[in-house]
Amino acid sequence: MLESCQNAQERWGGVHLMIDRWLQERAELIKAYAAIDDVSDKTVVQRFCEYLVDYVSAGHFEVYQQLTDEARAFGDQRGLDLAKQIYPRIEVITEAALAFNDRCDGGDCGDVDALSRELKHLGQMLHERFELEDCLIEVLHTAHKQQASAATV
């Protein structure tokens, strides 16, 4: 997961400060996930949950809105259509992530075996989410970059 995050930063790192910050938050989330060696260590799980909530919130309330606004501003119907396809799945993953956080905040993470299974499943879902987000960023960035270049010529 960390390698794909680094690739995303290399590809889109200078596109927009908000996306840069968000990709950095993604890297921190992945590091926090990888640091969970012992699911009974509540401090490590709680740190992961903090990064998780920050990341999904930034995506939902900042980045996705900005990307959609840019697509509209550039008349990017392809990007808007892609967003309509991708956002519902991202939303499902967001809800699963927030439900995981809520359970842990509520103290319902005492069953180590269940927590371990749930973390593994959440990790798979996050990996899928990162791929979907990367696809969305790539399509929107490419279209907008080409349009911006054409406008300045």
Protein backbone atom coordinates (compact mmCIF):
# COMPACT_ATOMS: atom_id res chain seq x y z
CA MET A 1 0.00 0.00 0.00
CA LEU A 2 2.77 2.45 0.89
CA GLU A 3 4.44 1.99 -2.49
CA SER A 4 1.26 2.85 -4.38
CA CYS A 5 0.88 5.93 -2.17
CA GLN A 6 4.40 7.05 -3.07
CA ASN A 7 3.65 6.52 -6.75
CA ALA A 8 0.55 8.70 -6.44
CA GLN A 9 2.56 11.47 -4.80
CA GLU A 10 5.13 11.32 -7.59
CA ARG A 11 2.44 11.49 -10.27
CA TRP A 12 0.28 14.25 -8.80
CA GLY A 13 2.42 15.79 -6.05
CA GLY A 14 2.49 19.30 -7.46
CA VAL A 15 -1.08 19.43 -8.76
CA HIS A 16 -2.68 21.14 -5.85
CA LEU A 17 -1.68 21.82 -2.26
CA MET A 18 -4.84 20.21 -0.94
CA ILE A 19 -4.18 17.00 -2.84
CA ASP A 20 -0.55 17.07 -1.68
CA ARG A 21 -1.68 17.34 1.93
CA TRP A 22 -4.27 14.63 1.44
CA LEU A 23 -1.75 12.24 -0.12
CA GLN A 24 0.54 12.90 2.84
CA GLU A 25 -2.36 12.06 5.17
CA ARG A 26 -2.81 8.86 3.19
CA ALA A 27 0.84 7.97 3.76
CA GLU A 28 0.44 8.60 7.50
CA LEU A 29 -2.70 6.45 7.56
CA ILE A 30 -0.86 3.61 5.84
CA LYS A 31 2.05 3.89 8.28
CA ALA A 32 -0.37 3.81 11.21
CA TYR A 33 -2.08 0.75 9.75
CA ALA A 34 1.26 -1.00 9.23
CA ALA A 35 2.26 -0.18 12.81
CA ILE A 36 -0.55 -2.29 14.25
CA ASP A 37 1.42 -5.38 15.23
CA ASP A 38 -0.67 -6.14 18.28
CA VAL A 39 -4.37 -5.32 18.01
CA SER A 40 -4.67 -5.45 21.78
CA ASP A 41 -2.49 -2.30 21.95
CA LYS A 42 -5.30 0.23 22.19
CA THR A 43 -2.94 3.20 21.78
CA VAL A 44 -1.76 2.01 18.35
CA VAL A 45 -5.30 1.19 17.22
CA GLN A 46 -6.51 4.59 18.45
CA ARG A 47 -3.74 6.38 16.55
CA PHE A 48 -4.76 4.50 13.41
CA CYS A 49 -8.39 5.53 13.99
CA GLU A 50 -7.39 9.19 14.28
CA TYR A 51 -5.56 9.07 10.94
CA LEU A 52 -8.44 7.13 9.42
CA VAL A 53 -11.06 9.71 10.39
CA ASP A 54 -8.86 12.62 9.29
CA TYR A 55 -8.22 11.01 5.93
CA VAL A 56 -11.78 10.02 5.07
CA SER A 57 -13.10 13.38 6.31
CA ALA A 58 -10.64 15.34 4.16
CA GLY A 59 -11.63 13.27 1.16
CA HIS A 60 -15.34 13.69 1.75
CA PHE A 61 -15.46 17.34 2.80
CA GLU A 62 -12.56 18.82 0.83
CA VAL A 63 -10.91 16.87 -1.95
CA TYR A 64 -13.88 15.23 -3.66
CA GLN A 65 -15.80 18.50 -3.61
CA GLN A 66 -12.83 20.38 -5.07
CA LEU A 67 -12.32 17.79 -7.81
CA THR A 68 -15.99 17.89 -8.71
CA ASP A 69 -16.01 21.70 -8.72
CA GLU A 70 -12.97 21.72 -11.02
CA ALA A 71 -14.60 19.21 -13.35
CA ARG A 72 -17.67 21.44 -13.58
CA ALA A 73 -15.55 24.54 -14.11
CA PHE A 74 -13.71 22.89 -17.00
CA GLY A 75 -16.85 21.29 -18.43
CA ASP A 76 -15.29 17.89 -17.80
CA GLN A 77 -18.23 15.56 -18.36
CA ARG A 78 -15.94 12.51 -18.43
CA GLY A 79 -14.65 13.39 -14.96
CA LEU A 80 -18.15 14.04 -13.65
CA ASP A 81 -19.37 10.72 -15.06
CA LEU A 82 -16.43 8.92 -13.48
CA ALA A 83 -17.17 10.58 -10.16
CA LYS A 84 -20.78 9.35 -10.35
CA GLN A 85 -19.45 5.82 -10.81
CA ILE A 86 -16.72 5.96 -8.17
CA TYR A 87 -18.23 8.00 -5.34
CA PRO A 88 -20.86 5.44 -4.30
CA ARG A 89 -18.20 2.79 -3.69
CA ILE A 90 -15.96 5.28 -1.90
CA GLU A 91 -18.94 6.20 0.27
CA VAL A 92 -19.48 2.55 1.25
CA ILE A 93 -15.82 2.31 2.26
CA THR A 94 -16.07 5.60 4.17
CA GLU A 95 -19.05 4.32 6.13
CA ALA A 96 -17.21 1.09 6.97
CA ALA A 97 -14.19 3.08 8.15
CA LEU A 98 -16.29 5.39 10.30
CA ALA A 99 -18.22 2.44 11.75
CA PHE A 100 -14.92 0.80 12.69
CA ASN A 101 -13.80 4.01 14.38
CA ASP A 102 -17.11 4.38 16.23
CA ARG A 103 -16.91 0.83 17.57
CA CYS A 104 -13.36 1.36 18.82
CA ASP A 105 -14.25 4.72 20.34
CA GLY A 106 -17.20 3.06 22.04
CA GLY A 107 -14.91 0.44 23.57
CA ASP A 108 -16.28 -2.36 21.39
CA CYS A 109 -12.86 -3.54 20.21
CA GLY A 110 -12.12 -5.97 23.00
CA ASP A 111 -12.38 -9.16 20.93
CA VAL A 112 -8.83 -9.35 19.57
CA ASP A 113 -9.61 -12.01 16.95
CA ALA A 114 -12.61 -10.12 15.59
CA LEU A 115 -10.66 -6.84 15.60
CA SER A 116 -7.81 -8.47 13.71
CA ARG A 117 -10.18 -9.80 11.04
CA GLU A 118 -11.96 -6.48 10.79
CA LEU A 119 -8.68 -4.59 10.43
CA LYS A 120 -7.57 -6.91 7.64
CA HIS A 121 -10.87 -6.39 5.82
CA LEU A 122 -10.67 -2.63 6.36
CA GLY A 123 -7.12 -2.66 4.96
CA GLN A 124 -8.39 -4.34 1.79
CA MET A 125 -11.19 -1.80 1.50
CA LEU A 126 -8.77 1.10 1.97
CA HIS A 127 -6.51 -0.30 -0.73
CA GLU A 128 -9.50 -0.38 -3.09
CA ARG A 129 -10.42 3.16 -2.07
CA PHE A 130 -6.89 4.43 -2.78
CA GLU A 131 -7.04 2.91 -6.27
CA LEU A 132 -10.42 4.52 -6.94
CA GLU A 133 -9.20 7.88 -5.67
CA ASP A 134 -6.04 7.63 -7.78
CA CYS A 135 -8.14 6.92 -10.86
CA LEU A 136 -10.35 9.90 -10.17
CA ILE A 137 -7.39 12.23 -9.58
CA GLU A 138 -5.63 11.01 -12.69
CA VAL A 139 -8.65 11.50 -14.96
CA LEU A 140 -9.50 14.91 -13.56
CA HIS A 141 -5.93 16.16 -13.42
CA THR A 142 -5.10 15.02 -16.92
CA ALA A 143 -8.18 16.63 -18.43
CA HIS A 144 -7.75 19.88 -16.55
CA LYS A 145 -4.02 20.10 -17.18
CA GLN A 146 -4.58 19.75 -20.91
CA GLN A 147 -7.38 22.32 -20.88
CA ALA A 148 -5.34 24.79 -18.83
CA SER A 149 -2.37 24.42 -21.17
CA ALA A 150 -4.58 24.95 -24.21
CA ALA A 151 -6.08 28.07 -22.64
CA THR A 152 -2.65 29.68 -22.12
CA VAL A 153 -1.44 29.08 -25.69
